[in-house]
């Protein structure tokens, strides 16, 4: 967890606008925050690149297997990292599985402690599908990623996945309009940091060749991405 003020202070120090042990004044922070938000807005225009991580909860209903993401505080997330279920202050692990694994469960109307969950990320709402169905009103805790939106202020708390904070600081240090140009090393570090984010968010598409109307094969060759 970090704040907008920490991000811009570190970027200013990296660009040698301020010394590492020097506190920027209010005007410098305000100006740097405007450039921070412009930079992040431009990143979002390229492709959703930045995410915040939050843990949200909703309540399970006995004998009910499926739940909409509309139950989450901010609705459908960009992705789901993990989840677990809590009952009487005891946490029960629940493994996220793919559609095929969930479909392979031959008899689903079983009430017990949920052991697996298939998350269908449909639009406009995703759906959590549990097996077994909950036998009691568990509290489901879900770690989700949401696209970083809105204006970051000096006091905004930002929870970022690994690698994101460094990429933001390194790129803001280069993006910040200062009289002294950014060094080649700064530019290289900024590019490397952003490349790490692109790789982390890369989702290859799979090339498929139709053999007949109801059958196709895949060579697992990614042909598109960043």
Protein backbone atom coordinates (compact mmCIF):
# COMPACT_ATOMS: atom_id res chain seq x y z
CA UNK A 1 0.00 0.00 0.00
CA UNK A 2 1.32 3.42 -0.93
CA UNK A 3 -0.04 6.94 -1.46
CA UNK A 4 -0.04 9.45 -4.28
CA UNK A 5 2.35 11.65 -2.30
CA UNK A 6 4.91 8.84 -1.94
CA UNK A 7 4.78 8.05 -5.66
CA UNK A 8 5.46 11.63 -6.74
CA UNK A 9 8.10 12.24 -4.02
CA UNK A 10 10.09 9.21 -5.17
CA UNK A 11 9.74 10.21 -8.83
CA UNK A 12 10.94 13.76 -8.12
CA UNK A 13 13.93 12.43 -6.21
CA UNK A 14 14.77 9.97 -9.00
CA UNK A 15 14.72 12.82 -11.55
CA UNK A 16 16.89 14.95 -9.18
CA UNK A 17 14.22 17.61 -8.90
CA UNK A 18 14.58 17.18 -5.14
CA UNK A 19 17.16 15.45 -2.99
CA UNK A 20 16.26 12.01 -1.54
CA UNK A 21 16.08 13.49 1.97
CA UNK A 22 14.24 16.64 0.86
CA UNK A 23 10.50 17.14 1.19
CA UNK A 24 8.93 18.68 -1.96
CA UNK A 25 6.84 21.74 -1.27
CA UNK A 26 3.06 21.76 -1.75
CA UNK A 27 3.26 23.31 -5.23
CA UNK A 28 5.75 20.70 -6.44
CA UNK A 29 3.57 17.85 -5.16
CA UNK A 30 0.42 19.31 -6.71
CA UNK A 31 2.15 19.81 -10.05
CA UNK A 32 3.66 16.30 -10.01
CA UNK A 33 0.29 14.76 -9.13
CA UNK A 34 -1.27 16.38 -12.20
CA UNK A 35 1.41 14.80 -14.39
CA UNK A 36 1.02 11.47 -12.60
CA UNK A 37 -2.70 11.39 -13.39
CA UNK A 38 -2.10 12.44 -17.00
CA UNK A 39 0.43 9.64 -17.42
CA UNK A 40 -1.86 7.00 -15.93
CA UNK A 41 -4.75 8.25 -18.06
CA UNK A 42 -2.62 7.83 -21.19
CA UNK A 43 -1.68 4.30 -20.10
CA UNK A 44 -5.33 3.44 -19.70
CA UNK A 45 -6.04 4.68 -23.22
CA UNK A 46 -3.48 2.22 -24.62
CA UNK A 47 -4.97 -0.79 -22.84
CA UNK A 48 -6.01 -1.44 -19.23
CA UNK A 49 -2.53 -1.72 -17.80
CA UNK A 50 -2.78 -0.67 -14.18
CA UNK A 51 -4.76 -2.46 -11.52
CA UNK A 52 -5.48 -2.01 -7.86
CA UNK A 53 -5.98 -5.06 -5.64
CA UNK A 54 -8.87 -5.09 -3.18
CA UNK A 55 -10.51 -7.72 -1.01
CA UNK A 56 -14.29 -7.64 -1.11
CA UNK A 57 -16.95 -9.82 0.48
CA UNK A 58 -20.44 -11.12 -0.11
CA UNK A 59 -22.61 -13.62 1.75
CA UNK A 60 -23.37 -17.10 0.46
CA UNK A 61 -26.88 -18.52 0.73
CA UNK A 62 -27.36 -22.14 1.85
CA UNK A 63 -28.05 -24.53 -1.05
CA UNK A 64 -27.30 -21.82 -3.65
CA UNK A 65 -24.37 -22.48 -6.00
CA UNK A 66 -24.15 -19.36 -8.21
CA UNK A 67 -23.61 -15.68 -7.32
CA UNK A 68 -23.36 -12.55 -9.45
CA UNK A 69 -20.51 -10.05 -9.20
CA UNK A 70 -23.27 -7.48 -8.67
CA UNK A 71 -22.96 -8.51 -5.00
CA UNK A 72 -19.44 -7.03 -4.86
CA UNK A 73 -18.97 -3.43 -3.74
CA UNK A 74 -17.98 -2.13 -7.16
CA UNK A 75 -19.53 -4.80 -9.34
CA UNK A 76 -17.67 -6.86 -11.95
CA UNK A 77 -13.86 -6.77 -11.46
CA UNK A 78 -11.17 -6.95 -14.13
CA UNK A 79 -10.09 -10.33 -12.73
CA UNK A 80 -10.24 -12.52 -9.63
CA UNK A 81 -6.98 -13.59 -7.97
CA UNK A 82 -8.27 -15.92 -5.25
CA UNK A 83 -11.09 -16.41 -2.77
CA UNK A 84 -11.90 -18.18 0.49
CA UNK A 85 -15.00 -18.63 2.63
CA UNK A 86 -15.35 -17.76 6.31
CA UNK A 87 -17.78 -19.20 8.84
CA UNK A 88 -17.66 -18.63 12.61
CA UNK A 89 -14.19 -17.02 12.27
CA UNK A 90 -12.79 -20.10 10.51
CA UNK A 91 -11.44 -19.65 6.97
CA UNK A 92 -11.96 -22.41 4.41
CA UNK A 93 -9.85 -22.46 1.26
CA UNK A 94 -11.67 -22.60 -2.07
CA UNK A 95 -9.77 -23.30 -5.29
CA UNK A 96 -10.52 -21.36 -8.46
CA UNK A 97 -10.94 -23.83 -11.33
CA UNK A 98 -11.70 -23.64 -15.04
CA UNK A 99 -15.00 -24.36 -16.73
CA UNK A 100 -14.03 -27.88 -17.73
CA UNK A 101 -13.13 -28.89 -14.16
CA UNK A 102 -16.43 -27.55 -12.88
CA UNK A 103 -18.35 -29.21 -15.71
CA UNK A 104 -16.71 -32.56 -14.89
CA UNK A 105 -18.51 -32.63 -11.52
CA UNK A 106 -21.26 -35.11 -12.36
CA UNK A 107 -23.62 -34.44 -9.45
CA UNK A 108 -23.67 -30.85 -8.27
CA UNK A 109 -26.60 -30.47 -5.83
CA UNK A 110 -24.50 -31.32 -2.77
CA UNK A 111 -24.50 -29.07 0.32
CA UNK A 112 -21.20 -28.88 2.25
CA UNK A 113 -18.16 -26.61 2.57
CA UNK A 114 -17.42 -25.22 -0.95
CA UNK A 115 -14.12 -26.62 -2.20
CA UNK A 116 -13.93 -25.27 -5.75
CA UNK A 117 -15.28 -22.26 -7.62
CA UNK A 118 -15.55 -21.62 -11.34
CA UNK A 119 -15.59 -17.90 -12.06
CA UNK A 120 -17.36 -17.05 -15.32
CA UNK A 121 -16.21 -13.52 -16.19
CA UNK A 122 -19.25 -12.73 -18.32
CA UNK A 123 -20.43 -9.21 -19.06
CA UNK A 124 -21.99 -7.07 -17.64
CA UNK A 125 -21.76 -9.33 -14.57
CA UNK A 126 -19.51 -12.28 -13.83
CA UNK A 127 -20.73 -15.34 -11.92
CA UNK A 128 -19.15 -17.37 -9.10
CA UNK A 129 -20.16 -21.04 -9.25
CA UNK A 130 -19.38 -23.10 -6.13
CA UNK A 131 -19.15 -26.82 -5.53
CA UNK A 132 -20.29 -28.15 -3.18
CA UNK A 133 -23.05 -25.64 -2.60
CA UNK A 134 -22.66 -23.87 0.78
CA UNK A 135 -24.52 -25.56 3.62
CA UNK A 136 -24.54 -22.34 5.66
CA UNK A 137 -24.27 -18.56 5.25
CA UNK A 138 -20.53 -18.37 4.62
CA UNK A 139 -18.89 -14.99 4.10
CA UNK A 140 -16.97 -15.17 0.82
CA UNK A 141 -13.77 -13.10 0.67
CA UNK A 142 -12.63 -12.33 -2.87
CA UNK A 143 -9.31 -10.76 -3.91
CA UNK A 144 -10.02 -8.83 -7.11
CA UNK A 145 -8.19 -6.55 -9.49
CA UNK A 146 -9.82 -3.36 -10.70
CA UNK A 147 -8.61 -0.96 -13.34
CA UNK A 148 -7.01 2.05 -11.69
CA UNK A 149 -9.40 4.91 -12.37
CA UNK A 150 -10.11 8.32 -10.95
CA UNK A 151 -7.78 11.05 -9.78
CA UNK A 152 -4.97 10.13 -7.41
CA UNK A 153 -4.42 12.75 -4.73
CA UNK A 154 -1.62 13.10 -2.21
CA UNK A 155 -3.59 11.10 0.37
CA UNK A 156 -5.06 8.44 -1.95
CA UNK A 157 -4.15 4.95 -0.74
CA UNK A 158 -3.18 2.76 -3.69
CA UNK A 159 -2.67 -1.02 -3.45
CA UNK A 160 -0.75 -2.23 -6.50
CA UNK A 161 0.39 -5.67 -7.68
CA UNK A 162 4.14 -6.45 -7.62
CA UNK A 163 6.17 -4.39 -10.10
CA UNK A 164 3.54 -1.69 -10.62
CA UNK A 165 4.82 0.84 -8.09
CA UNK A 166 8.36 0.75 -9.48
CA UNK A 167 7.05 1.14 -13.04
CA UNK A 168 4.95 4.17 -12.08
CA UNK A 169 7.80 5.90 -10.25
CA UNK A 170 10.35 5.19 -13.00
CA UNK A 171 8.03 6.38 -15.77
CA UNK A 172 6.85 9.48 -13.91
CA UNK A 173 10.49 10.45 -13.35
CA UNK A 174 10.90 10.49 -17.14
CA UNK A 175 7.45 11.92 -17.94
CA UNK A 176 7.76 14.83 -15.50
CA UNK A 177 8.51 18.10 -17.40
CA UNK A 178 11.77 19.26 -15.85
CA UNK A 179 14.41 21.54 -17.35
CA UNK A 180 17.12 18.87 -17.02
CA UNK A 181 16.40 16.04 -19.50
CA UNK A 182 15.99 12.51 -18.20
CA UNK A 183 19.13 10.42 -18.59
CA UNK A 184 19.32 7.42 -20.95
CA UNK A 185 19.48 5.12 -17.91
CA UNK A 186 16.25 6.62 -16.54
CA UNK A 187 14.52 6.17 -19.90
CA UNK A 188 15.74 2.57 -20.14
CA UNK A 189 14.54 1.74 -16.62
CA UNK A 190 11.17 3.35 -17.35
CA UNK A 191 10.73 1.31 -20.53
CA UNK A 192 11.77 -1.90 -18.79
CA UNK A 193 9.29 -1.27 -15.98
CA UNK A 194 6.44 -0.73 -18.40
CA UNK A 195 7.44 -3.79 -20.41
CA UNK A 196 7.17 -5.88 -17.23
CA UNK A 197 3.56 -4.73 -16.84
CA UNK A 198 2.79 -5.55 -20.47
CA UNK A 199 4.20 -9.05 -20.07
CA UNK A 200 2.28 -9.57 -16.82
CA UNK A 201 -0.99 -8.58 -18.52
CA UNK A 202 -0.33 -10.39 -21.81
CA UNK A 203 -3.12 -12.76 -22.81
CA UNK A 204 -2.21 -14.69 -25.97
CA UNK A 205 -4.91 -15.64 -28.43
CA UNK A 206 -4.91 -19.18 -29.74
CA UNK A 207 -4.93 -20.02 -33.42
CA UNK A 208 -7.55 -22.65 -34.25
CA UNK A 209 -8.14 -24.46 -37.52
CA UNK A 210 -11.57 -25.87 -38.32
CA UNK A 211 -11.45 -29.46 -39.57
CA UNK A 212 -15.18 -29.86 -39.98
CA UNK A 213 -18.23 -27.97 -38.81
CA UNK A 214 -18.30 -29.43 -35.29
CA UNK A 215 -14.59 -29.97 -34.67
CA UNK A 216 -11.43 -27.90 -34.58
CA UNK A 217 -7.81 -28.32 -33.56
CA UNK A 218 -5.44 -25.86 -31.94
CA UNK A 219 -1.69 -25.53 -32.28
CA UNK A 220 -1.53 -23.26 -29.21
CA UNK A 221 0.24 -20.60 -31.23
CA UNK A 222 -0.22 -17.08 -29.84
CA UNK A 223 -0.72 -14.73 -32.75
CA UNK A 224 -1.75 -11.52 -31.03
CA UNK A 225 -1.08 -9.52 -27.93
CA UNK A 226 0.80 -6.38 -26.92
